[in-house]
């Protein structure tokens, strides 16, 4: 099991979760953040600090956002397991599902 970052994060990328993650497993894509399923230790530290409530435990992801689990996992198919997001910085791509989304509005 792992945590999933869903639609409220797309085009926002607040990054409070990155600061809180003790194992550096939250990677930054072009439009969204992704949690590496093999590097995440399921501590849950990221979930309460997300200001838009975009992070869910895999089994608790709302039905409308179930596709985000697949996007989070498949984002790493090509990347593998680099062993930490900070050494990579921004990854200049997104999962095709995320890339195809229309721009997300985030009203303050």
C-alpha atoms as a PDB file:
ATOM      1  CA  UNK A   1       0.000   0.000   0.000  1.00  0.00           C
ATOM      2  CA  UNK A   2       1.024   3.598  -0.531  1.00  0.00           C
ATOM      3  CA  UNK A   3      -0.259   7.132  -0.527  1.00  0.00           C
ATOM      4  CA  UNK A   4      -1.659   8.791  -3.650  1.00  0.00           C
ATOM      5  CA  UNK A   5      -1.676  12.428  -4.728  1.00  0.00           C
ATOM      6  CA  UNK A   6      -4.922  13.253  -6.549  1.00  0.00           C
ATOM      7  CA  UNK A   7      -6.460  16.016  -8.637  1.00  0.00           C
ATOM      8  CA  UNK A   8      -6.440  18.900  -6.115  1.00  0.00           C
ATOM      9  CA  UNK A   9      -2.634  19.004  -6.478  1.00  0.00           C
ATOM     10  CA  UNK A  10      -2.579  19.274 -10.279  1.00  0.00           C
ATOM     11  CA  UNK A  11      -1.284  22.715 -11.324  1.00  0.00           C
ATOM     12  CA  UNK A  12      -0.883  23.725  -7.666  1.00  0.00           C
ATOM     13  CA  UNK A  13       2.092  21.766  -6.270  1.00  0.00           C
ATOM     14  CA  UNK A  14       2.101  23.419  -2.819  1.00  0.00           C
ATOM     15  CA  UNK A  15       5.038  21.181  -1.775  1.00  0.00           C
ATOM     16  CA  UNK A  16       4.313  21.239   1.984  1.00  0.00           C
ATOM     17  CA  UNK A  17       4.229  17.439   1.715  1.00  0.00           C
ATOM     18  CA  UNK A  18       7.763  17.376   0.305  1.00  0.00           C
ATOM     19  CA  UNK A  19       9.043  19.283   3.339  1.00  0.00           C
ATOM     20  CA  UNK A  20       7.317  16.831   5.676  1.00  0.00           C
ATOM     21  CA  UNK A  21       8.327  13.571   3.974  1.00  0.00           C
ATOM     22  CA  UNK A  22      11.067  11.840   6.030  1.00  0.00           C
ATOM     23  CA  UNK A  23      12.150   9.536   3.176  1.00  0.00           C
ATOM     24  CA  UNK A  24      12.190  12.016   0.246  1.00  0.00           C
ATOM     25  CA  UNK A  25       9.763   9.939  -1.855  1.00  0.00           C
ATOM     26  CA  UNK A  26       7.588  12.744  -3.278  1.00  0.00           C
ATOM     27  CA  UNK A  27       8.750  13.650  -6.763  1.00  0.00           C
ATOM     28  CA  UNK A  28       7.864  16.775  -8.716  1.00  0.00           C
ATOM     29  CA  UNK A  29       6.524  16.411 -12.231  1.00  0.00           C
ATOM     30  CA  UNK A  30       5.665  19.235 -14.594  1.00  0.00           C
ATOM     31  CA  UNK A  31       2.077  19.716 -13.339  1.00  0.00           C
ATOM     32  CA  UNK A  32       1.757  17.465 -10.285  1.00  0.00           C
ATOM     33  CA  UNK A  33       3.578  15.727  -7.454  1.00  0.00           C
ATOM     34  CA  UNK A  34       3.933  11.935  -7.308  1.00  0.00           C
ATOM     35  CA  UNK A  35       4.599   9.579  -4.387  1.00  0.00           C
ATOM     36  CA  UNK A  36       6.963   6.730  -5.252  1.00  0.00           C
ATOM     37  CA  UNK A  37       5.116   3.539  -4.234  1.00  0.00           C
ATOM     38  CA  UNK A  38       8.295   1.569  -3.487  1.00  0.00           C
ATOM     39  CA  UNK A  39      10.059   4.325  -1.559  1.00  0.00           C
ATOM     40  CA  UNK A  40       7.073   5.448   0.550  1.00  0.00           C
ATOM     41  CA  UNK A  41       7.161   3.990   4.057  1.00  0.00           C
ATOM     42  CA  UNK A  42       3.462   4.703   4.674  1.00  0.00           C
ATOM     43  CA  UNK A  43       4.174   7.022   7.595  1.00  0.00           C
ATOM     44  CA  UNK A  44       1.352   9.392   6.631  1.00  0.00           C
ATOM     45  CA  UNK A  45       3.305  12.555   7.483  1.00  0.00           C
ATOM     46  CA  UNK A  46       2.420  14.101   4.123  1.00  0.00           C
ATOM     47  CA  UNK A  47      -1.349  13.736   4.381  1.00  0.00           C
ATOM     48  CA  UNK A  48      -2.238  16.231   7.151  1.00  0.00           C
ATOM     49  CA  UNK A  49       0.017  19.014   5.821  1.00  0.00           C
ATOM     50  CA  UNK A  50      -1.544  19.086   2.344  1.00  0.00           C
ATOM     51  CA  UNK A  51      -3.499  22.371   2.218  1.00  0.00           C
ATOM     52  CA  UNK A  52      -5.852  21.115  -0.522  1.00  0.00           C
ATOM     53  CA  UNK A  53      -6.389  17.595   0.878  1.00  0.00           C
ATOM     54  CA  UNK A  54      -5.012  15.913  -2.257  1.00  0.00           C
ATOM     55  CA  UNK A  55      -3.195  13.042  -0.496  1.00  0.00           C
ATOM     56  CA  UNK A  56      -4.991   9.812   0.304  1.00  0.00           C
ATOM     57  CA  UNK A  57      -4.057   6.377   1.547  1.00  0.00           C
ATOM     58  CA  UNK A  58      -4.403   4.133  -1.516  1.00  0.00           C
ATOM     59  CA  UNK A  59      -7.552   2.342  -0.277  1.00  0.00           C
ATOM     60  CA  UNK A  60      -9.132   5.635   0.855  1.00  0.00           C
ATOM     61  CA  UNK A  61      -8.803   7.469  -2.460  1.00  0.00           C
ATOM     62  CA  UNK A  62     -12.244   8.777  -3.479  1.00  0.00           C
ATOM     63  CA  UNK A  63     -13.803   6.865  -6.361  1.00  0.00           C
ATOM     64  CA  UNK A  64     -13.683   9.915  -8.632  1.00  0.00           C
ATOM     65  CA  UNK A  65      -9.883  10.005  -8.276  1.00  0.00           C
ATOM     66  CA  UNK A  66      -9.049   6.273  -8.436  1.00  0.00           C
ATOM     67  CA  UNK A  67      -7.133   6.808 -11.725  1.00  0.00           C
ATOM     68  CA  UNK A  68      -4.569   8.858  -9.809  1.00  0.00           C
ATOM     69  CA  UNK A  69      -3.274   5.702  -8.135  1.00  0.00           C
ATOM     70  CA  UNK A  70      -2.350   4.258 -11.528  1.00  0.00           C
ATOM     71  CA  UNK A  71      -0.819   7.587 -12.603  1.00  0.00           C
ATOM     72  CA  UNK A  72       1.285   7.754  -9.415  1.00  0.00           C
ATOM     73  CA  UNK A  73       2.588   4.208  -9.911  1.00  0.00           C
ATOM     74  CA  UNK A  74       3.165   4.382 -13.665  1.00  0.00           C
ATOM     75  CA  UNK A  75       4.971   7.726 -13.430  1.00  0.00           C
ATOM     76  CA  UNK A  76       7.924   5.720 -12.092  1.00  0.00           C
ATOM     77  CA  UNK A  77       7.905   2.969 -14.749  1.00  0.00           C
ATOM     78  CA  UNK A  78      10.514   4.793 -16.806  1.00  0.00           C
ATOM     79  CA  UNK A  79      12.226   6.506 -13.874  1.00  0.00           C
ATOM     80  CA  UNK A  80      12.714   3.418 -11.725  1.00  0.00           C
ATOM     81  CA  UNK A  81      13.593   3.907  -8.075  1.00  0.00           C
ATOM     82  CA  UNK A  82      16.124   6.747  -7.860  1.00  0.00           C
ATOM     83  CA  UNK A  83      16.235   6.605  -4.057  1.00  0.00           C
ATOM     84  CA  UNK A  84      15.204  10.166  -3.351  1.00  0.00           C
ATOM     85  CA  UNK A  85      13.452  13.018  -5.067  1.00  0.00           C
ATOM     86  CA  UNK A  86      15.691  15.879  -3.951  1.00  0.00           C
ATOM     87  CA  UNK A  87      18.623  14.778  -6.084  1.00  0.00           C
ATOM     88  CA  UNK A  88      16.456  14.830  -9.235  1.00  0.00           C
ATOM     89  CA  UNK A  89      14.550  18.066  -8.769  1.00  0.00           C
ATOM     90  CA  UNK A  90      11.843  18.875 -11.307  1.00  0.00           C
ATOM     91  CA  UNK A  91      11.139  16.046 -13.728  1.00  0.00           C
ATOM     92  CA  UNK A  92      10.155  17.667 -17.017  1.00  0.00           C
ATOM     93  CA  UNK A  93       7.176  15.397 -17.701  1.00  0.00           C
ATOM     94  CA  UNK A  94       3.976  14.030 -16.216  1.00  0.00           C
ATOM     95  CA  UNK A  95       2.035  10.803 -16.502  1.00  0.00           C
ATOM     96  CA  UNK A  96      -0.052  11.002 -19.721  1.00  0.00           C
ATOM     97  CA  UNK A  97      -3.274  11.006 -17.653  1.00  0.00           C
ATOM     98  CA  UNK A  98      -2.128  14.127 -15.784  1.00  0.00           C
ATOM     99  CA  UNK A  99      -0.653  15.786 -18.880  1.00  0.00           C
ATOM    100  CA  UNK A 100      -3.983  15.399 -20.712  1.00  0.00           C
ATOM    101  CA  UNK A 101      -6.025  17.133 -18.009  1.00  0.00           C
ATOM    102  CA  UNK A 102      -7.303  20.620 -18.779  1.00  0.00           C
ATOM    103  CA  UNK A 103      -5.663  23.386 -16.707  1.00  0.00           C
ATOM    104  CA  UNK A 104      -6.898  23.233 -13.130  1.00  0.00           C
ATOM    105  CA  UNK A 105      -8.247  26.377 -11.508  1.00  0.00           C
ATOM    106  CA  UNK A 106      -7.281  26.978  -7.885  1.00  0.00           C
ATOM    107  CA  UNK A 107      -9.341  29.843  -6.537  1.00  0.00           C
ATOM    108  CA  UNK A 108      -7.967  31.340  -3.385  1.00  0.00           C
END
